[in-house]
């Protein structure tokens, strides 16, 4: 048992030596696999989750807007891929890029209408889900941004 305690103490001291030595040896003052001193100070306090509500599939108008992730019976795309496509669509709209050749629009038939929304969570609060804010970013029809309808 004494041998195992020595083994643990030796490797713990080597680990600590490298972690603290990162302050002197590295330009970033840290060596990532050992210690990341700034890990939590660089984590944002807000989380923005984009999602897409579908109001029309092809020529069929939906009575209530549905989240595109729940329309698997229509588009047959894996939910992870749908999430990635929604995130890239959100980034494209945010950066005012052209939407004509976007991969997102291959999931549903032409003529479909979408509402791009974001849900913002404040992670600095204890009950962040209760303090969520929902914003409408854009209306999209025929792969074009449409003006907001009130």
Protein backbone atom coordinates (compact mmCIF):
# COMPACT_ATOMS: atom_id res chain seq x y z
CA UNK A 1 0.00 0.00 0.00
CA UNK A 2 2.93 2.30 0.73
CA UNK A 3 4.10 1.96 -2.90
CA UNK A 4 0.70 3.16 -4.24
CA UNK A 5 0.68 6.20 -1.97
CA UNK A 6 4.13 7.15 -3.21
CA UNK A 7 3.02 6.66 -6.82
CA UNK A 8 0.04 8.98 -6.33
CA UNK A 9 2.11 11.58 -4.49
CA UNK A 10 4.83 11.59 -7.14
CA UNK A 11 2.40 12.04 -10.04
CA UNK A 12 0.38 14.62 -8.14
CA UNK A 13 3.53 16.65 -7.51
CA UNK A 14 4.56 16.36 -11.20
CA UNK A 15 1.07 17.49 -12.26
CA UNK A 16 1.15 20.48 -9.91
CA UNK A 17 4.69 21.38 -11.00
CA UNK A 18 3.67 21.47 -14.68
CA UNK A 19 0.43 23.32 -13.91
CA UNK A 20 2.12 26.05 -11.91
CA UNK A 21 5.12 26.06 -14.25
CA UNK A 22 2.74 27.02 -17.05
CA UNK A 23 2.74 30.53 -15.62
CA UNK A 24 6.40 30.83 -16.51
CA UNK A 25 6.76 28.64 -19.63
CA UNK A 26 3.67 29.56 -21.66
CA UNK A 27 2.65 32.81 -23.34
CA UNK A 28 -0.97 32.21 -22.27
CA UNK A 29 0.06 31.56 -18.65
CA UNK A 30 -1.44 28.06 -18.76
CA UNK A 31 -0.86 24.62 -20.23
CA UNK A 32 -4.31 23.42 -21.22
CA UNK A 33 -4.45 19.72 -20.29
CA UNK A 34 -3.11 20.47 -16.84
CA UNK A 35 -4.89 23.63 -15.81
CA UNK A 36 -7.09 26.16 -17.50
CA UNK A 37 -7.08 29.04 -15.02
CA UNK A 38 -9.42 31.19 -17.12
CA UNK A 39 -11.97 28.51 -17.96
CA UNK A 40 -14.90 29.99 -16.05
CA UNK A 41 -13.98 33.65 -16.43
CA UNK A 42 -14.33 33.36 -20.23
CA UNK A 43 -17.61 31.45 -20.19
CA UNK A 44 -20.47 33.76 -21.22
CA UNK A 45 -23.36 34.41 -18.83
CA UNK A 46 -25.96 34.28 -21.58
CA UNK A 47 -26.86 31.41 -23.87
CA UNK A 48 -28.60 32.10 -27.19
CA UNK A 49 -30.52 29.16 -28.67
CA UNK A 50 -31.85 29.70 -32.20
CA UNK A 51 -34.85 27.71 -33.39
CA UNK A 52 -37.13 27.74 -36.43
CA UNK A 53 -40.92 27.58 -36.39
CA UNK A 54 -42.53 26.34 -39.60
CA UNK A 55 -45.79 28.08 -40.55
CA UNK A 56 -46.24 26.57 -44.01
CA UNK A 57 -44.95 23.33 -45.57
CA UNK A 58 -45.02 23.72 -49.36
CA UNK A 59 -48.56 24.87 -50.08
CA UNK A 60 -50.08 23.47 -46.85
CA UNK A 61 -50.49 26.13 -44.17
CA UNK A 62 -50.13 24.81 -40.58
CA UNK A 63 -52.79 25.84 -38.05
CA UNK A 64 -50.14 26.47 -35.39
CA UNK A 65 -46.42 27.04 -36.06
CA UNK A 66 -44.35 23.92 -35.33
CA UNK A 67 -40.70 23.61 -34.45
CA UNK A 68 -38.79 22.21 -37.42
CA UNK A 69 -37.15 19.60 -35.17
CA UNK A 70 -40.57 18.02 -34.57
CA UNK A 71 -41.36 17.68 -38.30
CA UNK A 72 -39.30 14.53 -38.77
CA UNK A 73 -42.17 12.84 -40.64
CA UNK A 74 -41.90 15.55 -43.31
CA UNK A 75 -38.16 16.14 -43.77
CA UNK A 76 -36.66 12.83 -42.48
CA UNK A 77 -33.48 14.58 -41.30
CA UNK A 78 -31.77 13.60 -38.05
CA UNK A 79 -32.45 16.13 -35.24
CA UNK A 80 -28.74 16.83 -34.72
CA UNK A 81 -28.38 17.76 -38.40
CA UNK A 82 -31.49 19.95 -38.17
CA UNK A 83 -30.00 21.75 -35.15
CA UNK A 84 -26.73 22.35 -37.01
CA UNK A 85 -28.63 23.68 -40.02
CA UNK A 86 -30.70 26.00 -37.81
CA UNK A 87 -27.51 27.34 -36.20
CA UNK A 88 -25.87 28.00 -39.57
CA UNK A 89 -29.06 29.69 -40.82
CA UNK A 90 -29.08 31.91 -37.73
CA UNK A 91 -25.43 32.87 -38.30
CA UNK A 92 -26.15 33.60 -41.98
CA UNK A 93 -29.10 35.84 -41.13
CA UNK A 94 -27.12 37.58 -38.40
CA UNK A 95 -24.28 38.30 -40.83
CA UNK A 96 -26.69 39.35 -43.65
CA UNK A 97 -25.48 36.64 -46.03
CA UNK A 98 -27.36 35.51 -49.12
CA UNK A 99 -29.83 32.73 -48.28
CA UNK A 100 -30.49 31.45 -51.82
CA UNK A 101 -28.02 28.55 -51.71
CA UNK A 102 -28.38 27.71 -48.03
CA UNK A 103 -28.53 23.98 -47.19
CA UNK A 104 -31.33 24.59 -44.69
CA UNK A 105 -33.93 25.07 -47.45
CA UNK A 106 -33.40 21.58 -48.88
CA UNK A 107 -35.24 19.99 -45.94
CA UNK A 108 -38.76 21.16 -46.79
CA UNK A 109 -40.48 21.73 -50.17
CA UNK A 110 -40.24 25.05 -51.98
CA UNK A 111 -42.83 27.59 -50.86
CA UNK A 112 -42.42 26.75 -47.16
CA UNK A 113 -42.52 29.61 -44.66
CA UNK A 114 -40.42 29.88 -41.52
CA UNK A 115 -40.05 32.09 -38.48
CA UNK A 116 -36.50 32.28 -37.10
CA UNK A 117 -36.50 32.94 -33.35
CA UNK A 118 -33.98 32.95 -30.53
CA UNK A 119 -34.35 32.01 -26.91
CA UNK A 120 -31.89 33.79 -24.63
CA UNK A 121 -31.13 32.34 -21.20
CA UNK A 122 -29.37 34.34 -18.49
CA UNK A 123 -27.15 31.76 -16.82
CA UNK A 124 -26.09 34.10 -14.02
CA UNK A 125 -29.53 33.70 -12.42
CA UNK A 126 -30.49 30.65 -10.37
CA UNK A 127 -33.71 29.95 -12.29
CA UNK A 128 -32.52 30.88 -15.78
CA UNK A 129 -35.28 28.94 -17.52
CA UNK A 130 -37.88 31.18 -15.87
CA UNK A 131 -36.07 34.31 -17.12
CA UNK A 132 -35.83 33.26 -20.77
CA UNK A 133 -36.50 35.91 -23.40
CA UNK A 134 -37.77 34.96 -26.85
CA UNK A 135 -37.07 37.20 -29.85
CA UNK A 136 -38.26 36.89 -33.44
CA UNK A 137 -35.31 37.41 -35.76
CA UNK A 138 -36.77 36.96 -39.25
CA UNK A 139 -39.65 35.69 -41.34
CA UNK A 140 -38.47 33.60 -44.28
CA UNK A 141 -40.60 32.67 -47.30
CA UNK A 142 -39.29 31.25 -50.60
CA UNK A 143 -35.71 31.54 -49.33
CA UNK A 144 -36.07 35.33 -48.86
CA UNK A 145 -36.22 37.43 -45.72
CA UNK A 146 -39.68 38.97 -45.41
CA UNK A 147 -40.65 42.12 -43.51
CA UNK A 148 -42.19 41.63 -40.08
CA UNK A 149 -45.97 41.30 -39.98
CA UNK A 150 -47.70 42.82 -36.96
